[in-house]
N, C-alpha and C. Protein backbone atom coordinates (compact mmCIF):
# COMPACT_ATOMS: atom_id res chain seq x y z
N MET A 1 35.49 47.51 92.85
CA MET A 1 35.82 48.90 92.53
C MET A 1 36.80 49.42 93.58
N SER A 2 37.86 50.07 93.12
CA SER A 2 38.86 50.59 94.05
C SER A 2 38.32 51.78 94.82
N GLU A 3 38.98 52.09 95.91
CA GLU A 3 38.58 53.26 96.71
C GLU A 3 38.72 54.54 95.89
N THR A 4 39.72 54.60 95.03
CA THR A 4 39.90 55.78 94.18
C THR A 4 38.74 55.93 93.22
N ASN A 5 38.31 54.83 92.61
CA ASN A 5 37.17 54.90 91.70
C ASN A 5 35.91 55.31 92.44
N LYS A 6 35.72 54.79 93.65
CA LYS A 6 34.57 55.19 94.46
C LYS A 6 34.61 56.68 94.74
N ARG A 7 35.79 57.20 95.07
CA ARG A 7 35.94 58.62 95.36
C ARG A 7 35.64 59.46 94.11
N CYS A 8 36.11 59.03 92.97
CA CYS A 8 35.85 59.77 91.73
C CYS A 8 34.36 59.81 91.42
N LYS A 9 33.67 58.69 91.62
CA LYS A 9 32.23 58.66 91.36
C LYS A 9 31.48 59.54 92.35
N GLU A 10 31.95 59.57 93.61
CA GLU A 10 31.34 60.43 94.62
C GLU A 10 31.50 61.90 94.23
N CYS A 11 32.70 62.26 93.81
CA CYS A 11 32.95 63.65 93.39
C CYS A 11 32.10 64.02 92.18
N MET A 12 31.93 63.08 91.25
CA MET A 12 31.10 63.32 90.07
C MET A 12 29.67 63.66 90.50
N LYS A 13 29.16 62.97 91.51
CA LYS A 13 27.80 63.24 91.99
C LYS A 13 27.70 64.66 92.53
N TYR A 14 28.72 65.09 93.27
CA TYR A 14 28.71 66.46 93.80
C TYR A 14 28.71 67.48 92.66
N ALA A 15 29.52 67.22 91.65
CA ALA A 15 29.60 68.13 90.51
C ALA A 15 28.27 68.19 89.76
N LYS A 16 27.63 67.03 89.59
CA LYS A 16 26.34 67.00 88.89
C LYS A 16 25.30 67.81 89.67
N THR A 17 25.36 67.74 90.99
CA THR A 17 24.43 68.52 91.82
C THR A 17 24.65 70.02 91.59
N ALA A 18 25.91 70.43 91.56
CA ALA A 18 26.23 71.85 91.35
C ALA A 18 25.79 72.31 89.95
N ILE A 19 26.07 71.49 88.94
CA ILE A 19 25.70 71.83 87.57
C ILE A 19 24.18 71.96 87.45
N ARG A 20 23.46 71.00 87.99
CA ARG A 20 21.98 71.04 87.90
C ARG A 20 21.42 72.27 88.59
N ALA A 21 21.94 72.59 89.78
CA ALA A 21 21.45 73.76 90.51
C ALA A 21 21.73 75.05 89.72
N HIS A 22 22.92 75.16 89.16
CA HIS A 22 23.26 76.36 88.39
C HIS A 22 22.41 76.43 87.12
N ALA A 23 22.27 75.30 86.43
CA ALA A 23 21.47 75.29 85.19
C ALA A 23 20.03 75.71 85.48
N LYS A 24 19.50 75.23 86.58
CA LYS A 24 18.13 75.61 86.94
C LYS A 24 18.06 77.11 87.25
N ALA A 25 19.05 77.62 87.96
CA ALA A 25 19.06 79.03 88.34
C ALA A 25 19.14 79.95 87.14
N VAL A 26 19.90 79.55 86.11
CA VAL A 26 20.07 80.42 84.94
C VAL A 26 19.17 80.05 83.78
N GLY A 27 18.42 78.97 83.94
CA GLY A 27 17.46 78.60 82.91
C GLY A 27 18.05 77.90 81.69
N ASN A 28 19.16 77.20 81.87
CA ASN A 28 19.70 76.48 80.72
C ASN A 28 19.70 74.96 80.97
N GLU A 29 18.68 74.48 81.60
CA GLU A 29 18.56 73.05 81.92
C GLU A 29 18.51 72.16 80.68
N ASP A 30 18.09 72.71 79.56
CA ASP A 30 17.97 71.92 78.33
C ASP A 30 19.24 71.94 77.48
N GLU A 31 20.23 72.68 77.91
CA GLU A 31 21.49 72.77 77.15
C GLU A 31 22.33 71.52 77.38
N GLU A 32 23.29 71.31 76.49
CA GLU A 32 24.24 70.22 76.63
C GLU A 32 25.10 70.45 77.87
N LEU A 33 25.61 69.36 78.44
CA LEU A 33 26.44 69.44 79.63
C LEU A 33 27.64 70.36 79.42
N GLU A 34 28.26 70.29 78.26
CA GLU A 34 29.43 71.13 77.99
C GLU A 34 29.10 72.62 78.13
N ILE A 35 27.95 73.03 77.65
CA ILE A 35 27.53 74.43 77.76
C ILE A 35 27.25 74.77 79.21
N GLN A 36 26.61 73.87 79.94
CA GLN A 36 26.32 74.11 81.36
C GLN A 36 27.61 74.26 82.16
N VAL A 37 28.60 73.43 81.87
CA VAL A 37 29.89 73.53 82.56
C VAL A 37 30.54 74.87 82.25
N ARG A 38 30.55 75.24 80.98
CA ARG A 38 31.16 76.52 80.58
C ARG A 38 30.48 77.70 81.27
N ASP A 39 29.16 77.68 81.32
CA ASP A 39 28.43 78.79 81.96
C ASP A 39 28.70 78.86 83.46
N LEU A 40 28.76 77.71 84.12
CA LEU A 40 29.07 77.70 85.55
C LEU A 40 30.48 78.22 85.79
N LEU A 41 31.42 77.77 85.00
CA LEU A 41 32.80 78.26 85.16
C LEU A 41 32.89 79.76 84.94
N ALA A 42 32.21 80.26 83.93
CA ALA A 42 32.22 81.71 83.67
C ALA A 42 31.64 82.47 84.85
N ASP A 43 30.55 81.97 85.41
CA ASP A 43 29.95 82.65 86.57
C ASP A 43 30.86 82.56 87.79
N LEU A 44 31.56 81.45 87.95
CA LEU A 44 32.53 81.35 89.03
C LEU A 44 33.68 82.34 88.83
N MET A 45 34.06 82.57 87.58
CA MET A 45 35.09 83.56 87.30
C MET A 45 34.62 84.96 87.68
N HIS A 46 33.35 85.27 87.38
CA HIS A 46 32.79 86.57 87.78
C HIS A 46 32.82 86.72 89.30
N LEU A 47 32.40 85.67 89.99
CA LEU A 47 32.38 85.70 91.45
C LEU A 47 33.78 85.93 92.01
N CYS A 48 34.74 85.19 91.49
CA CYS A 48 36.12 85.33 91.95
C CYS A 48 36.65 86.73 91.70
N LYS A 49 36.37 87.28 90.54
CA LYS A 49 36.85 88.63 90.22
C LYS A 49 36.28 89.65 91.21
N ILE A 50 34.99 89.56 91.47
CA ILE A 50 34.33 90.51 92.38
C ILE A 50 34.83 90.35 93.81
N LYS A 51 35.09 89.12 94.22
CA LYS A 51 35.49 88.84 95.60
C LYS A 51 37.00 88.83 95.81
N GLY A 52 37.76 89.07 94.73
CA GLY A 52 39.21 89.12 94.85
C GLY A 52 39.87 87.76 95.06
N VAL A 53 39.25 86.72 94.52
CA VAL A 53 39.80 85.37 94.61
C VAL A 53 40.51 85.05 93.30
N ASP A 54 41.67 84.45 93.39
CA ASP A 54 42.46 84.11 92.20
C ASP A 54 41.90 82.84 91.56
N PHE A 55 41.09 83.01 90.54
CA PHE A 55 40.44 81.87 89.87
C PHE A 55 41.47 80.94 89.25
N GLU A 56 42.46 81.48 88.55
CA GLU A 56 43.45 80.65 87.88
C GLU A 56 44.24 79.81 88.87
N TYR A 57 44.61 80.39 90.00
CA TYR A 57 45.31 79.63 91.05
C TYR A 57 44.44 78.46 91.52
N ASN A 58 43.17 78.75 91.77
CA ASN A 58 42.27 77.71 92.26
C ASN A 58 41.98 76.66 91.20
N LEU A 59 41.96 77.04 89.94
CA LEU A 59 41.79 76.07 88.86
C LEU A 59 43.00 75.13 88.81
N ARG A 60 44.20 75.69 88.90
CA ARG A 60 45.40 74.85 88.93
C ARG A 60 45.38 73.92 90.14
N SER A 61 45.00 74.44 91.27
CA SER A 61 44.93 73.63 92.49
C SER A 61 43.91 72.51 92.34
N ALA A 62 42.76 72.83 91.74
CA ALA A 62 41.72 71.82 91.52
C ALA A 62 42.22 70.73 90.58
N LYS A 63 42.97 71.12 89.55
CA LYS A 63 43.54 70.13 88.63
C LYS A 63 44.49 69.19 89.36
N ASN A 64 45.29 69.75 90.27
CA ASN A 64 46.20 68.93 91.06
C ASN A 64 45.43 67.97 91.97
N HIS A 65 44.38 68.46 92.62
CA HIS A 65 43.55 67.60 93.47
C HIS A 65 42.94 66.48 92.64
N PHE A 66 42.42 66.82 91.49
CA PHE A 66 41.82 65.82 90.61
C PHE A 66 42.83 64.74 90.26
N THR A 67 44.02 65.15 89.87
CA THR A 67 45.06 64.19 89.50
C THR A 67 45.40 63.28 90.67
N GLU A 68 45.54 63.84 91.84
CA GLU A 68 45.87 63.05 93.03
C GLU A 68 44.74 62.09 93.39
N GLU A 69 43.52 62.56 93.28
CA GLU A 69 42.36 61.73 93.67
C GLU A 69 42.09 60.59 92.70
N CYS A 70 42.50 60.77 91.46
CA CYS A 70 42.14 59.78 90.44
C CYS A 70 43.36 59.13 89.79
N LEU A 71 44.44 58.99 90.50
CA LEU A 71 45.66 58.44 89.92
C LEU A 71 45.45 57.08 89.28
N ASP A 72 44.70 56.20 89.94
CA ASP A 72 44.52 54.88 89.35
C ASP A 72 43.17 54.72 88.66
N HIS A 73 42.49 55.84 88.41
CA HIS A 73 41.19 55.81 87.73
C HIS A 73 41.41 56.07 86.25
N LYS A 74 41.37 55.01 85.47
CA LYS A 74 41.63 55.18 84.03
C LYS A 74 40.54 54.52 83.23
């Protein structure tokens, strides 16, 4: 397994931890992953709006990081 693939799998574990914690906090542990992701993103958008953080900028930045981290992960 390449170092890039290892990094992608490591990042996936971090994301799963965040999703599980949020799902437990809001009580949607039995929902599909897609719904859990959507709900977490929506709550992050609320947080960013209240705290004056540019969510869209950070989403674009995250997409760029993802692309760079997983260039050879196909």
